[in-house]
């Protein structure tokens, strides 16, 4: 039985490459989510980069997506949020450790 070759619209290819570059996730994972082979994404990315090289950031080879870096105030807010989350997790851990000491094993 011969395999039929699937055709993808240019819009689908652009969206797939945009998802690949913006998400920071591995190419294999994106391809699996889209139901495609990683080679298809690689070919689409190569084709789009050769058509419009000006759309890439300066100094980028196009092979590795750049990580999104926010402004310093955004980064400071994210750090503060993560510190609050860490403090809450530590408090929860401490409470659970104390509960283990108080209730070593419930009778059956």
PDB file of N, CA and C in Angstrom:
ATOM      1  N   UNK A   1       0.840  -1.162   0.000  1.00  0.00           N
ATOM      2  CA  UNK A   1       0.000   0.000   0.000  1.00  0.00           C
ATOM      3  C   UNK A   1       0.898   1.241   0.000  1.00  0.00           C
ATOM      4  N   UNK A   2       0.688   2.148  -0.903  1.00  0.00           N
ATOM      5  CA  UNK A   2       1.511   3.349  -1.025  1.00  0.00           C
ATOM      6  C   UNK A   2       1.015   4.416  -0.059  1.00  0.00           C
ATOM      7  N   UNK A   3       1.968   5.122   0.521  1.00  0.00           N
ATOM      8  CA  UNK A   3       1.611   6.222   1.404  1.00  0.00           C
ATOM      9  C   UNK A   3       1.222   7.425   0.560  1.00  0.00           C
ATOM     10  N   UNK A   4       0.223   8.146   1.023  1.00  0.00           N
ATOM     11  CA  UNK A   4      -0.148   9.369   0.332  1.00  0.00           C
ATOM     12  C   UNK A   4       0.597  10.528   0.981  1.00  0.00           C
ATOM     13  N   UNK A   5       1.082  11.399   0.167  1.00  0.00           N
ATOM     14  CA  UNK A   5       1.845  12.536   0.660  1.00  0.00           C
ATOM     15  C   UNK A   5       0.883  13.646   1.064  1.00  0.00           C
ATOM     16  N   UNK A   6       1.033  14.122   2.289  1.00  0.00           N
ATOM     17  CA  UNK A   6       0.162  15.183   2.771  1.00  0.00           C
ATOM     18  C   UNK A   6       0.708  16.531   2.330  1.00  0.00           C
ATOM     19  N   UNK A   7      -0.191  17.425   1.998  1.00  0.00           N
ATOM     20  CA  UNK A   7       0.179  18.781   1.606  1.00  0.00           C
ATOM     21  C   UNK A   7      -0.281  19.735   2.707  1.00  0.00           C
ATOM     22  N   UNK A   8       0.568  20.675   3.046  1.00  0.00           N
ATOM     23  CA  UNK A   8       0.237  21.657   4.074  1.00  0.00           C
ATOM     24  C   UNK A   8       0.187  23.034   3.446  1.00  0.00           C
ATOM     25  N   UNK A   9      -0.738  23.842   3.923  1.00  0.00           N
ATOM     26  CA  UNK A   9      -0.860  25.193   3.394  1.00  0.00           C
ATOM     27  C   UNK A   9       0.294  26.044   3.906  1.00  0.00           C
ATOM     28  N   UNK A  10       0.660  27.086   3.166  1.00  0.00           N
ATOM     29  CA  UNK A  10       1.722  27.982   3.644  1.00  0.00           C
ATOM     30  C   UNK A  10       1.400  28.605   5.009  1.00  0.00           C
ATOM     31  N   UNK A  11       0.113  28.877   5.247  1.00  0.00           N
ATOM     32  CA  UNK A  11      -0.286  29.447   6.534  1.00  0.00           C
ATOM     33  C   UNK A  11      -0.008  28.464   7.676  1.00  0.00           C
ATOM     34  N   UNK A  12      -0.342  27.180   7.461  1.00  0.00           N
ATOM     35  CA  UNK A  12      -0.083  26.163   8.468  1.00  0.00           C
ATOM     36  C   UNK A  12       1.416  26.070   8.756  1.00  0.00           C
ATOM     37  N   UNK A  13       2.217  26.108   7.691  1.00  0.00           N
ATOM     38  CA  UNK A  13       3.672  26.023   7.858  1.00  0.00           C
ATOM     39  C   UNK A  13       4.200  27.210   8.645  1.00  0.00           C
ATOM     40  N   UNK A  14       3.718  28.420   8.330  1.00  0.00           N
ATOM     41  CA  UNK A  14       4.156  29.615   9.068  1.00  0.00           C
ATOM     42  C   UNK A  14       3.786  29.517  10.542  1.00  0.00           C
ATOM     43  N   UNK A  15       2.558  29.063  10.810  1.00  0.00           N
ATOM     44  CA  UNK A  15       2.115  28.940  12.209  1.00  0.00           C
ATOM     45  C   UNK A  15       2.912  27.877  12.948  1.00  0.00           C
ATOM     46  N   UNK A  16       3.224  26.773  12.282  1.00  0.00           N
ATOM     47  CA  UNK A  16       3.994  25.707  12.916  1.00  0.00           C
ATOM     48  C   UNK A  16       5.397  26.189  13.263  1.00  0.00           C
ATOM     49  N   UNK A  17       6.024  26.922  12.347  1.00  0.00           N
ATOM     50  CA  UNK A  17       7.372  27.454  12.600  1.00  0.00           C
ATOM     51  C   UNK A  17       7.317  28.513  13.697  1.00  0.00           C
ATOM     52  N   UNK A  18       6.282  29.353  13.700  1.00  0.00           N
ATOM     53  CA  UNK A  18       6.138  30.364  14.750  1.00  0.00           C
ATOM     54  C   UNK A  18       5.977  29.703  16.116  1.00  0.00           C
ATOM     55  N   UNK A  19       5.191  28.630  16.176  1.00  0.00           N
ATOM     56  CA  UNK A  19       5.018  27.894  17.432  1.00  0.00           C
ATOM     57  C   UNK A  19       6.340  27.297  17.887  1.00  0.00           C
ATOM     58  N   UNK A  20       7.071  26.737  16.954  1.00  0.00           N
ATOM     59  CA  UNK A  20       8.364  26.135  17.273  1.00  0.00           C
ATOM     60  C   UNK A  20       9.327  27.176  17.837  1.00  0.00           C
ATOM     61  N   UNK A  21       9.383  28.335  17.216  1.00  0.00           N
ATOM     62  CA  UNK A  21      10.339  29.359  17.638  1.00  0.00           C
ATOM     63  C   UNK A  21       9.916  30.081  18.907  1.00  0.00           C
ATOM     64  N   UNK A  22       8.609  30.249  19.123  1.00  0.00           N
ATOM     65  CA  UNK A  22       8.165  31.015  20.280  1.00  0.00           C
ATOM     66  C   UNK A  22       8.028  30.176  21.545  1.00  0.00           C
ATOM     67  N   UNK A  23       7.796  28.870  21.393  1.00  0.00           N
ATOM     68  CA  UNK A  23       7.517  28.056  22.581  1.00  0.00           C
ATOM     69  C   UNK A  23       8.776  27.637  23.326  1.00  0.00           C
ATOM     70  N   UNK A  24       9.895  27.471  22.610  1.00  0.00           N
ATOM     71  CA  UNK A  24      11.107  27.009  23.259  1.00  0.00           C
ATOM     72  C   UNK A  24      11.095  25.517  23.556  1.00  0.00           C
ATOM     73  N   UNK A  25      10.067  24.821  23.084  1.00  0.00           N
ATOM     74  CA  UNK A  25       9.984  23.381  23.295  1.00  0.00           C
ATOM     75  C   UNK A  25      10.748  22.656  22.197  1.00  0.00           C
ATOM     76  N   UNK A  26      11.108  21.401  22.423  1.00  0.00           N
ATOM     77  CA  UNK A  26      11.851  20.640  21.414  1.00  0.00           C
ATOM     78  C   UNK A  26      11.039  20.434  20.143  1.00  0.00           C
ATOM     79  N   UNK A  27      11.762  20.339  19.050  1.00  0.00           N
ATOM     80  CA  UNK A  27      11.151  20.147  17.739  1.00  0.00           C
ATOM     81  C   UNK A  27      10.355  18.843  17.695  1.00  0.00           C
ATOM     82  N   UNK A  28      10.862  17.807  18.337  1.00  0.00           N
ATOM     83  CA  UNK A  28      10.167  16.511  18.364  1.00  0.00           C
ATOM     84  C   UNK A  28       8.797  16.648  19.021  1.00  0.00           C
ATOM     85  N   UNK A  29       8.720  17.410  20.111  1.00  0.00           N
ATOM     86  CA  UNK A  29       7.467  17.559  20.838  1.00  0.00           C
ATOM     87  C   UNK A  29       6.443  18.345  20.006  1.00  0.00           C
ATOM     88  N   UNK A  30       6.876  19.420  19.377  1.00  0.00           N
ATOM     89  CA  UNK A  30       5.974  20.221  18.544  1.00  0.00           C
ATOM     90  C   UNK A  30       5.463  19.366  17.386  1.00  0.00           C
ATOM     91  N   UNK A  31       6.364  18.625  16.743  1.00  0.00           N
ATOM     92  CA  UNK A  31       5.970  17.782  15.614  1.00  0.00           C
ATOM     93  C   UNK A  31       4.948  16.736  16.047  1.00  0.00           C
ATOM     94  N   UNK A  32       5.151  16.143  17.210  1.00  0.00           N
ATOM     95  CA  UNK A  32       4.212  15.128  17.697  1.00  0.00           C
ATOM     96  C   UNK A  32       2.840  15.746  17.965  1.00  0.00           C
ATOM     97  N   UNK A  33       2.825  16.953  18.526  1.00  0.00           N
ATOM     98  CA  UNK A  33       1.554  17.625  18.801  1.00  0.00           C
ATOM     99  C   UNK A  33       0.801  17.947  17.509  1.00  0.00           C
ATOM    100  N   UNK A  34       1.551  18.298  16.477  1.00  0.00           N
ATOM    101  CA  UNK A  34       0.926  18.636  15.198  1.00  0.00           C
ATOM    102  C   UNK A  34       0.650  17.409  14.336  1.00  0.00           C
ATOM    103  N   UNK A  35       1.149  16.250  14.744  1.00  0.00           N
ATOM    104  CA  UNK A  35       0.944  15.034  13.977  1.00  0.00           C
ATOM    105  C   UNK A  35       1.828  14.967  12.743  1.00  0.00           C
ATOM    106  N   UNK A  36       3.008  15.557  12.825  1.00  0.00           N
ATOM    107  CA  UNK A  36       3.941  15.598  11.700  1.00  0.00           C
ATOM    108  C   UNK A  36       5.283  15.019  12.108  1.00  0.00           C
ATOM    109  N   UNK A  37       6.135  14.891  11.107  1.00  0.00           N
ATOM    110  CA  UNK A  37       7.508  14.469  11.352  1.00  0.00           C
ATOM    111  C   UNK A  37       8.359  15.698  11.658  1.00  0.00           C
ATOM    112  N   UNK A  38       9.376  15.561  12.502  1.00  0.00           N
ATOM    113  CA  UNK A  38      10.267  16.699  12.776  1.00  0.00           C
ATOM    114  C   UNK A  38      10.940  17.227  11.510  1.00  0.00           C
ATOM    115  N   UNK A  39      11.165  16.356  10.552  1.00  0.00           N
ATOM    116  CA  UNK A  39      11.805  16.805   9.311  1.00  0.00           C
ATOM    117  C   UNK A  39      10.928  17.812   8.571  1.00  0.00           C
ATOM    118  N   UNK A  40       9.600  17.678   8.684  1.00  0.00           N
ATOM    119  CA  UNK A  40       8.704  18.631   8.037  1.00  0.00           C
ATOM    120  C   UNK A  40       8.880  20.021   8.644  1.00  0.00           C
ATOM    121  N   UNK A  41       8.962  20.081   9.966  1.00  0.00           N
ATOM    122  CA  UNK A  41       9.178  21.373  10.625  1.00  0.00           C
ATOM    123  C   UNK A  41      10.528  21.963  10.239  1.00  0.00           C
ATOM    124  N   UNK A  42      11.532  21.132  10.183  1.00  0.00           N
ATOM    125  CA  UNK A  42      12.868  21.594   9.818  1.00  0.00           C
ATOM    126  C   UNK A  42      12.870  22.164   8.398  1.00  0.00           C
ATOM    127  N   UNK A  43      12.203  21.471   7.484  1.00  0.00           N
ATOM    128  CA  UNK A  43      12.133  21.941   6.104  1.00  0.00           C
ATOM    129  C   UNK A  43      11.352  23.249   6.002  1.00  0.00           C
ATOM    130  N   UNK A  44      10.257  23.344   6.732  1.00  0.00           N
ATOM    131  CA  UNK A  44       9.463  24.579   6.709  1.00  0.00           C
ATOM    132  C   UNK A  44      10.268  25.750   7.259  1.00  0.00           C
ATOM    133  N   UNK A  45      10.967  25.514   8.366  1.00  0.00           N
ATOM    134  CA  UNK A  45      11.772  26.573   8.960  1.00  0.00           C
ATOM    135  C   UNK A  45      12.859  27.026   7.983  1.00  0.00           C
ATOM    136  N   UNK A  46      13.530  26.076   7.372  1.00  0.00           N
ATOM    137  CA  UNK A  46      14.582  26.398   6.414  1.00  0.00           C
ATOM    138  C   UNK A  46      14.026  27.188   5.246  1.00  0.00           C
ATOM    139  N   UNK A  47      12.878  26.758   4.738  1.00  0.00           N
ATOM    140  CA  UNK A  47      12.264  27.440   3.603  1.00  0.00           C
ATOM    141  C   UNK A  47      11.852  28.870   3.975  1.00  0.00           C
ATOM    142  N   UNK A  48      11.259  29.033   5.161  1.00  0.00           N
ATOM    143  CA  UNK A  48      10.837  30.365   5.573  1.00  0.00           C
ATOM    144  C   UNK A  48      12.026  31.279   5.836  1.00  0.00           C
ATOM    145  N   UNK A  49      13.091  30.734   6.385  1.00  0.00           N
ATOM    146  CA  UNK A  49      14.271  31.560   6.660  1.00  0.00           C
ATOM    147  C   UNK A  49      14.972  31.973   5.373  1.00  0.00           C
ATOM    148  N   UNK A  50      14.935  31.110   4.360  1.00  0.00           N
ATOM    149  CA  UNK A  50      15.590  31.462   3.106  1.00  0.00           C
ATOM    150  C   UNK A  50      14.763  32.482   2.324  1.00  0.00           C
ATOM    151  N   UNK A  51      13.445  32.466   2.520  1.00  0.00           N
ATOM    152  CA  UNK A  51      12.580  33.416   1.817  1.00  0.00           C
ATOM    153  C   UNK A  51      12.662  34.794   2.456  1.00  0.00           C
ATOM    154  N   UNK A  52      12.636  34.849   3.785  1.00  0.00           N
ATOM    155  CA  UNK A  52      12.632  36.144   4.465  1.00  0.00           C
ATOM    156  C   UNK A  52      13.686  36.180   5.565  1.00  0.00           C
ATOM    157  N   UNK A  53      14.966  36.311   5.196  1.00  0.00           N
ATOM    158  CA  UNK A  53      16.008  36.338   6.220  1.00  0.00           C
ATOM    159  C   UNK A  53      15.949  37.582   7.093  1.00  0.00           C
ATOM    160  N   UNK A  54      15.260  38.629   6.659  1.00  0.00           N
ATOM    161  CA  UNK A  54      15.186  39.852   7.454  1.00  0.00           C
ATOM    162  C   UNK A  54      14.264  39.703   8.646  1.00  0.00           C
ATOM    163  N   UNK A  55      13.440  38.652   8.658  1.00  0.00           N
ATOM    164  CA  UNK A  55      12.527  38.460   9.784  1.00  0.00           C
ATOM    165  C   UNK A  55      13.230  37.896  11.009  1.00  0.00           C
ATOM    166  N   UNK A  56      14.475  37.413  10.824  1.00  0.00           N
ATOM    167  CA  UNK A  56      15.237  36.891  11.961  1.00  0.00           C
ATOM    168  C   UNK A  56      15.878  38.034  12.726  1.00  0.00           C
ATOM    169  N   UNK A  57      16.067  37.850  14.038  1.00  0.00           N
ATOM    170  CA  UNK A  57      16.796  38.848  14.809  1.00  0.00           C
ATOM    171  C   UNK A  57      18.253  38.920  14.361  1.00  0.00           C
ATOM    172  N   UNK A  58      18.860  40.069  14.537  1.00  0.00           N
ATOM    173  CA  UNK A  58      20.253  40.241  14.137  1.00  0.00           C
ATOM    174  C   UNK A  58      21.146  39.305  14.928  1.00  0.00           C
ATOM    175  N   UNK A  59      22.094  38.681  14.257  1.00  0.00           N
ATOM    176  CA  UNK A  59      23.023  37.773  14.918  1.00  0.00           C
ATOM    177  C   UNK A  59      22.483  36.385  15.122  1.00  0.00           C
ATOM    178  N   UNK A  60      21.276  36.132  14.683  1.00  0.00           N
ATOM    179  CA  UNK A  60      20.682  34.812  14.853  1.00  0.00           C
ATOM    180  C   UNK A  60      20.917  33.984  13.611  1.00  0.00           C
ATOM    181  N   UNK A  61      21.352  32.754  13.801  1.00  0.00           N
ATOM    182  CA  UNK A  61      21.570  31.873  12.658  1.00  0.00           C
ATOM    183  C   UNK A  61      20.270  31.210  12.232  1.00  0.00           C
ATOM    184  N   UNK A  62      19.255  31.273  13.081  1.00  0.00           N
ATOM    185  CA  UNK A  62      17.982  30.645  12.752  1.00  0.00           C
ATOM    186  C   UNK A  62      17.885  29.209  13.221  1.00  0.00           C
ATOM    187  N   UNK A  63      18.978  28.620  13.675  1.00  0.00           N
ATOM    188  CA  UNK A  63      18.929  27.222  14.076  1.00  0.00           C
ATOM    189  C   UNK A  63      18.426  27.050  15.500  1.00  0.00           C
ATOM    190  N   UNK A  64      18.638  28.032  16.360  1.00  0.00           N
ATOM    191  CA  UNK A  64      18.221  27.949  17.747  1.00  0.00           C
ATOM    192  C   UNK A  64      17.321  29.135  18.052  1.00  0.00           C
ATOM    193  N   UNK A  65      16.094  28.899  18.510  1.00  0.00           N
ATOM    194  CA  UNK A  65      15.222  30.021  18.817  1.00  0.00           C
ATOM    195  C   UNK A  65      15.762  30.797  20.008  1.00  0.00           C
ATOM    196  N   UNK A  66      15.643  32.097  19.931  1.00  0.00           N
ATOM    197  CA  UNK A  66      16.120  32.933  21.024  1.00  0.00           C
ATOM    198  C   UNK A  66      15.106  32.885  22.155  1.00  0.00           C
ATOM    199  N   UNK A  67      15.585  32.893  23.388  1.00  0.00           N
ATOM    200  CA  UNK A  67      14.683  32.857  24.521  1.00  0.00           C
ATOM    201  C   UNK A  67      14.109  34.253  24.740  1.00  0.00           C
ATOM    202  N   UNK A  68      12.824  34.321  25.095  1.00  0.00           N
ATOM    203  CA  UNK A  68      12.218  35.621  25.310  1.00  0.00           C
ATOM    204  C   UNK A  68      12.752  36.248  26.597  1.00  0.00           C
ATOM    205  N   UNK A  69      13.248  37.460  26.484  1.00  0.00           N
ATOM    206  CA  UNK A  69      13.768  38.173  27.648  1.00  0.00           C
ATOM    207  C   UNK A  69      12.937  39.432  27.807  1.00  0.00           C
ATOM    208  N   UNK A  70      12.277  39.557  28.949  1.00  0.00           N
ATOM    209  CA  UNK A  70      11.446  40.721  29.199  1.00  0.00           C
ATOM    210  C   UNK A  70      12.280  41.877  29.711  1.00  0.00           C
ATOM    211  N   UNK A  71      11.597  42.948  29.987  1.00  0.00           N
ATOM    212  CA  UNK A  71      12.274  44.114  30.515  1.00  0.00           C
ATOM    213  C   UNK A  71      12.732  43.817  31.947  1.00  0.00           C
ATOM    214  N   UNK A  72      13.660  44.608  32.460  1.00  0.00           N
ATOM    215  CA  UNK A  72      14.124  44.363  33.837  1.00  0.00           C
ATOM    216  C   UNK A  72      12.995  44.407  34.865  1.00  0.00           C
ATOM    217  N   UNK A  73      12.005  45.268  34.659  1.00  0.00           N
ATOM    218  CA  UNK A  73      10.904  45.325  35.620  1.00  0.00           C
ATOM    219  C   UNK A  73      10.059  44.053  35.545  1.00  0.00           C
ATOM    220  N   UNK A  74       9.885  43.500  34.331  1.00  0.00           N
ATOM    221  CA  UNK A  74       9.160  42.237  34.185  1.00  0.00           C
ATOM    222  C   UNK A  74       9.921  41.101  34.869  1.00  0.00           C
ATOM    223  N   UNK A  75      11.235  41.105  34.694  1.00  0.00           N
ATOM    224  CA  UNK A  75      12.053  40.069  35.315  1.00  0.00           C
ATOM    225  C   UNK A  75      12.009  40.194  36.832  1.00  0.00           C
ATOM    226  N   UNK A  76      12.046  41.413  37.342  1.00  0.00           N
ATOM    227  CA  UNK A  76      11.993  41.623  38.794  1.00  0.00           C
ATOM    228  C   UNK A  76      10.651  41.142  39.352  1.00  0.00           C
ATOM    229  N   UNK A  77       9.572  41.415  38.629  1.00  0.00           N
ATOM    230  CA  UNK A  77       8.254  40.965  39.075  1.00  0.00           C
ATOM    231  C   UNK A  77       8.179  39.438  39.074  1.00  0.00           C
ATOM    232  N   UNK A  78       8.753  38.812  38.051  1.00  0.00           N
ATOM    233  CA  UNK A  78       8.760  37.346  37.977  1.00  0.00           C
ATOM    234  C   UNK A  78       9.591  36.747  39.108  1.00  0.00           C
ATOM    235  N   UNK A  79      10.718  37.356  39.416  1.00  0.00           N
ATOM    236  CA  UNK A  79      11.562  36.878  40.512  1.00  0.00           C
ATOM    237  C   UNK A  79      10.820  36.992  41.831  1.00  0.00           C
ATOM    238  N   UNK A  80      10.141  38.111  42.043  1.00  0.00           N
ATOM    239  CA  UNK A  80       9.385  38.297  43.283  1.00  0.00           C
ATOM    240  C   UNK A  80       8.268  37.259  43.397  1.00  0.00           C
ATOM    241  N   UNK A  81       7.577  36.995  42.285  1.00  0.00           N
ATOM    242  CA  UNK A  81       6.508  35.999  42.301  1.00  0.00           C
ATOM    243  C   UNK A  81       7.060  34.611  42.624  1.00  0.00           C
ATOM    244  N   UNK A  82       8.187  34.283  42.021  1.00  0.00           N
ATOM    245  CA  UNK A  82       8.791  32.973  42.262  1.00  0.00           C
ATOM    246  C   UNK A  82       9.289  32.845  43.700  1.00  0.00           C
ATOM    247  N   UNK A  83       9.799  33.933  44.268  1.00  0.00           N
ATOM    248  CA  UNK A  83      10.247  33.890  45.663  1.00  0.00           C
ATOM    249  C   UNK A  83       9.066  33.677  46.601  1.00  0.00           C
ATOM    250  N   UNK A  84       7.928  34.338  46.321  1.00  0.00           N
ATOM    251  CA  UNK A  84       6.725  34.121  47.147  1.00  0.00           C
ATOM    252  C   UNK A  84       6.250  32.676  47.039  1.00  0.00           C
ATOM    253  N   UNK A  85       6.279  32.152  45.820  1.00  0.00           N
ATOM    254  CA  UNK A  85       5.857  30.764  45.603  1.00  0.00           C
ATOM    255  C   UNK A  85       6.780  29.791  46.342  1.00  0.00           C
ATOM    256  N   UNK A  86       8.078  30.063  46.313  1.00  0.00           N
ATOM    257  CA  UNK A  86       9.036  29.213  47.009  1.00  0.00           C
ATOM    258  C   UNK A  86       8.818  29.271  48.515  1.00  0.00           C
ATOM    259  N   UNK A  87       8.571  30.446  49.036  1.00  0.00           N
ATOM    260  CA  UNK A  87       8.346  30.596  50.477  1.00  0.00           C
ATOM    261  C   UNK A  87       7.091  29.828  50.896  1.00  0.00           C
ATOM    262  N   UNK A  88       6.041  29.906  50.090  1.00  0.00           N
ATOM    263  CA  UNK A  88       4.813  29.178  50.402  1.00  0.00           C
ATOM    264  C   UNK A  88       5.063  27.661  50.374  1.00  0.00           C
ATOM    265  N   UNK A  89       5.811  27.191  49.391  1.00  0.00           N
ATOM    266  CA  UNK A  89       6.115  25.759  49.305  1.00  0.00           C
ATOM    267  C   UNK A  89       6.933  25.307  50.506  1.00  0.00           C
ATOM    268  N   UNK A  90       7.855  26.137  50.950  1.00  0.00           N
ATOM    269  CA  UNK A  90       8.649  25.787  52.145  1.00  0.00           C
ATOM    270  C   UNK A  90       7.765  25.708  53.374  1.00  0.00           C
ATOM    271  N   UNK A  91       6.827  26.653  53.522  1.00  0.00           N
ATOM    272  CA  UNK A  91       5.923  26.634  54.674  1.00  0.00           C
ATOM    273  C   UNK A  91       5.060  25.372  54.650  1.00  0.00           C
ATOM    274  N   UNK A  92       4.543  25.029  53.482  1.00  0.00           N
ATOM    275  CA  UNK A  92       3.727  23.817  53.365  1.00  0.00           C
ATOM    276  C   UNK A  92       4.541  22.574  53.714  1.00  0.00           C
ATOM    277  N   UNK A  93       5.795  22.542  53.263  1.00  0.00           N
ATOM    278  CA  UNK A  93       6.662  21.407  53.569  1.00  0.00           C
ATOM    279  C   UNK A  93       6.874  21.296  55.079  1.00  0.00           C
ATOM    280  N   UNK A  94       7.124  22.433  55.733  1.00  0.00           N
ATOM    281  CA  UNK A  94       7.350  22.430  57.175  1.00  0.00           C
ATOM    282  C   UNK A  94       6.113  21.943  57.931  1.00  0.00           C
ATOM    283  N   UNK A  95       4.941  22.385  57.502  1.00  0.00           N
ATOM    284  CA  UNK A  95       3.702  21.960  58.156  1.00  0.00           C
ATOM    285  C   UNK A  95       3.523  20.454  57.991  1.00  0.00           C
ATOM    286  N   UNK A  96       3.780  19.950  56.812  1.00  0.00           N
ATOM    287  CA  UNK A  96       3.632  18.510  56.583  1.00  0.00           C
ATOM    288  C   UNK A  96       4.642  17.699  57.392  1.00  0.00           C
ATOM    289  N   UNK A  97       5.862  18.215  57.536  1.00  0.00           N
ATOM    290  CA  UNK A  97       6.851  17.507  58.347  1.00  0.00           C
ATOM    291  C   UNK A  97       6.421  17.466  59.807  1.00  0.00           C
ATOM    292  N   UNK A  98       5.828  18.557  60.307  1.00  0.00           N
ATOM    293  CA  UNK A  98       5.338  18.576  61.686  1.00  0.00           C
ATOM    294  C   UNK A  98       4.151  17.632  61.848  1.00  0.00           C
ATOM    295  N   UNK A  99       3.316  17.543  60.837  1.00  0.00           N
ATOM    296  CA  UNK A  99       2.158  16.649  60.912  1.00  0.00           C
ATOM    297  C   UNK A  99       2.605  15.195  60.995  1.00  0.00           C
ATOM    298  N   UNK A 100       3.683  14.865  60.303  1.00  0.00           N
ATOM    299  CA  UNK A 100       4.198  13.495  60.343  1.00  0.00           C
ATOM    300  C   UNK A 100       4.658  13.152  61.758  1.00  0.00           C
ATOM    301  N   UNK A 101       5.261  14.117  62.445  1.00  0.00           N
ATOM    302  CA  UNK A 101       5.729  13.886  63.816  1.00  0.00           C
ATOM    303  C   UNK A 101       4.541  13.746  64.765  1.00  0.00           C
ATOM    304  N   UNK A 102       3.518  14.568  64.567  1.00  0.00           N
ATOM    305  CA  UNK A 102       2.360  14.542  65.459  1.00  0.00           C
ATOM    306  C   UNK A 102       1.513  13.300  65.216  1.00  0.00           C
ATOM    307  N   UNK A 103       1.303  12.961  63.972  1.00  0.00           N
ATOM    308  CA  UNK A 103       0.488  11.794  63.616  1.00  0.00           C
ATOM    309  C   UNK A 103       1.362  10.775  62.895  1.00  0.00           C
ATOM    310  N   UNK A 104       2.185  10.031  63.648  1.00  0.00           N
ATOM    311  CA  UNK A 104       3.122   9.124  62.986  1.00  0.00           C
ATOM    312  C   UNK A 104       2.429   8.063  62.134  1.00  0.00           C
ATOM    313  N   UNK A 105       1.384   7.442  62.676  1.00  0.00           N
ATOM    314  CA  UNK A 105       0.635   6.476  61.885  1.00  0.00           C
ATOM    315  C   UNK A 105      -0.750   6.359  62.480  1.00  0.00           C
ATOM    316  N   UNK A 106      -1.729   6.457  61.616  1.00  0.00           N
ATOM    317  CA  UNK A 106      -3.106   6.385  62.082  1.00  0.00           C
ATOM    318  C   UNK A 106      -3.451   4.925  62.379  1.00  0.00           C
ATOM    319  N   UNK A 107      -4.140   4.659  63.504  1.00  0.00           N
ATOM    320  CA  UNK A 107      -4.553   3.279  63.796  1.00  0.00           C
ATOM    321  C   UNK A 107      -5.615   2.828  62.797  1.00  0.00           C
ATOM    322  N   UNK A 108      -5.572   1.549  62.467  1.00  0.00           N
ATOM    323  CA  UNK A 108      -6.525   1.015  61.481  1.00  0.00           C
ATOM    324  C   UNK A 108      -7.713   0.411  62.134  1.00  0.00           C
TER     325      UNK A 108
END
